[in-house]
């Protein structure tokens, strides 16, 4: 999670919290597991942060590991 705090006169004067996800990277990771014949050796992906074990991918993607 990234917290953005806007403080100067040229930006919005509010705090906004953005939750970022690596879901768009899931398809890329699965594609990288394909061998020369095109067979994928992975069908589910979950990216987990090293600091606390929080998942960076969500359950919204059909190939997300639950």
C-alpha atoms as a PDB file:
ATOM      1  CA  UNK A   1       0.000   0.000   0.000  1.00  0.00           C
ATOM      2  CA  UNK A   2       1.325   3.452  -0.864  1.00  0.00           C
ATOM      3  CA  UNK A   3       0.116   6.514   0.995  1.00  0.00           C
ATOM      4  CA  UNK A   4       0.334   9.794  -0.867  1.00  0.00           C
ATOM      5  CA  UNK A   5       0.076  13.017   1.072  1.00  0.00           C
ATOM      6  CA  UNK A   6      -0.522  16.157  -0.985  1.00  0.00           C
ATOM      7  CA  UNK A   7       0.737  19.261   0.792  1.00  0.00           C
ATOM      8  CA  UNK A   8       1.657  22.004  -1.686  1.00  0.00           C
ATOM      9  CA  UNK A   9      -0.580  24.608  -3.332  1.00  0.00           C
ATOM     10  CA  UNK A  10      -0.274  22.999  -6.786  1.00  0.00           C
ATOM     11  CA  UNK A  11      -1.898  19.728  -5.780  1.00  0.00           C
ATOM     12  CA  UNK A  12      -4.974  18.397  -4.076  1.00  0.00           C
ATOM     13  CA  UNK A  13      -4.983  19.167  -0.364  1.00  0.00           C
ATOM     14  CA  UNK A  14      -5.967  15.737   0.877  1.00  0.00           C
ATOM     15  CA  UNK A  15      -4.528  12.378   1.792  1.00  0.00           C
ATOM     16  CA  UNK A  16      -5.155   9.587  -0.659  1.00  0.00           C
ATOM     17  CA  UNK A  17      -4.301   5.955  -0.079  1.00  0.00           C
ATOM     18  CA  UNK A  18      -3.716   3.824  -3.153  1.00  0.00           C
ATOM     19  CA  UNK A  19      -3.684   0.039  -2.982  1.00  0.00           C
ATOM     20  CA  UNK A  20      -1.424  -1.308  -5.666  1.00  0.00           C
ATOM     21  CA  UNK A  21      -1.548  -4.822  -7.057  1.00  0.00           C
ATOM     22  CA  UNK A  22       0.674  -7.000  -9.201  1.00  0.00           C
ATOM     23  CA  UNK A  23      -2.290  -8.761 -10.858  1.00  0.00           C
ATOM     24  CA  UNK A  24      -1.272  -7.553 -14.316  1.00  0.00           C
ATOM     25  CA  UNK A  25       2.047  -9.389 -13.892  1.00  0.00           C
ATOM     26  CA  UNK A  26       0.409 -12.801 -13.310  1.00  0.00           C
ATOM     27  CA  UNK A  27      -0.064 -13.516 -17.030  1.00  0.00           C
ATOM     28  CA  UNK A  28       3.549 -12.535 -17.735  1.00  0.00           C
ATOM     29  CA  UNK A  29       4.860 -14.933 -15.096  1.00  0.00           C
ATOM     30  CA  UNK A  30       2.780 -17.820 -16.432  1.00  0.00           C
ATOM     31  CA  UNK A  31       3.942 -17.090 -19.989  1.00  0.00           C
ATOM     32  CA  UNK A  32       7.575 -17.254 -18.848  1.00  0.00           C
ATOM     33  CA  UNK A  33       7.084 -20.870 -17.701  1.00  0.00           C
ATOM     34  CA  UNK A  34       6.266 -22.124 -21.208  1.00  0.00           C
ATOM     35  CA  UNK A  35       8.716 -24.590 -22.700  1.00  0.00           C
ATOM     36  CA  UNK A  36       9.772 -24.868 -26.364  1.00  0.00           C
ATOM     37  CA  UNK A  37       6.561 -26.708 -27.265  1.00  0.00           C
ATOM     38  CA  UNK A  38       4.410 -23.972 -25.707  1.00  0.00           C
ATOM     39  CA  UNK A  39       3.292 -25.962 -22.654  1.00  0.00           C
ATOM     40  CA  UNK A  40       3.031 -23.804 -19.509  1.00  0.00           C
ATOM     41  CA  UNK A  41       4.460 -25.359 -16.340  1.00  0.00           C
ATOM     42  CA  UNK A  42       2.591 -22.998 -14.037  1.00  0.00           C
ATOM     43  CA  UNK A  43      -1.108 -22.148 -13.908  1.00  0.00           C
ATOM     44  CA  UNK A  44      -1.502 -20.161 -10.673  1.00  0.00           C
ATOM     45  CA  UNK A  45       0.567 -17.295  -9.254  1.00  0.00           C
ATOM     46  CA  UNK A  46       0.733 -15.398  -5.999  1.00  0.00           C
ATOM     47  CA  UNK A  47       3.355 -12.742  -5.282  1.00  0.00           C
ATOM     48  CA  UNK A  48       4.021 -12.363  -1.562  1.00  0.00           C
ATOM     49  CA  UNK A  49       5.980  -9.571   0.109  1.00  0.00           C
ATOM     50  CA  UNK A  50       9.025 -10.524   2.168  1.00  0.00           C
ATOM     51  CA  UNK A  51       8.246  -7.947   4.836  1.00  0.00           C
ATOM     52  CA  UNK A  52       5.311  -9.493   6.688  1.00  0.00           C
ATOM     53  CA  UNK A  53       4.077 -11.952   4.069  1.00  0.00           C
ATOM     54  CA  UNK A  54       1.287  -9.779   2.664  1.00  0.00           C
ATOM     55  CA  UNK A  55       0.035 -10.864  -0.788  1.00  0.00           C
ATOM     56  CA  UNK A  56       0.766  -8.390  -3.572  1.00  0.00           C
ATOM     57  CA  UNK A  57      -1.651 -10.102  -5.949  1.00  0.00           C
ATOM     58  CA  UNK A  58      -5.383 -10.222  -5.275  1.00  0.00           C
ATOM     59  CA  UNK A  59      -7.975 -12.958  -5.730  1.00  0.00           C
ATOM     60  CA  UNK A  60      -9.580 -10.971  -8.585  1.00  0.00           C
ATOM     61  CA  UNK A  61      -7.395 -12.536 -11.313  1.00  0.00           C
ATOM     62  CA  UNK A  62      -8.563 -15.966 -12.581  1.00  0.00           C
ATOM     63  CA  UNK A  63      -4.997 -17.325 -12.341  1.00  0.00           C
ATOM     64  CA  UNK A  64      -4.293 -15.987  -8.844  1.00  0.00           C
ATOM     65  CA  UNK A  65      -3.272 -18.601  -6.306  1.00  0.00           C
ATOM     66  CA  UNK A  66      -5.823 -18.495  -3.500  1.00  0.00           C
END
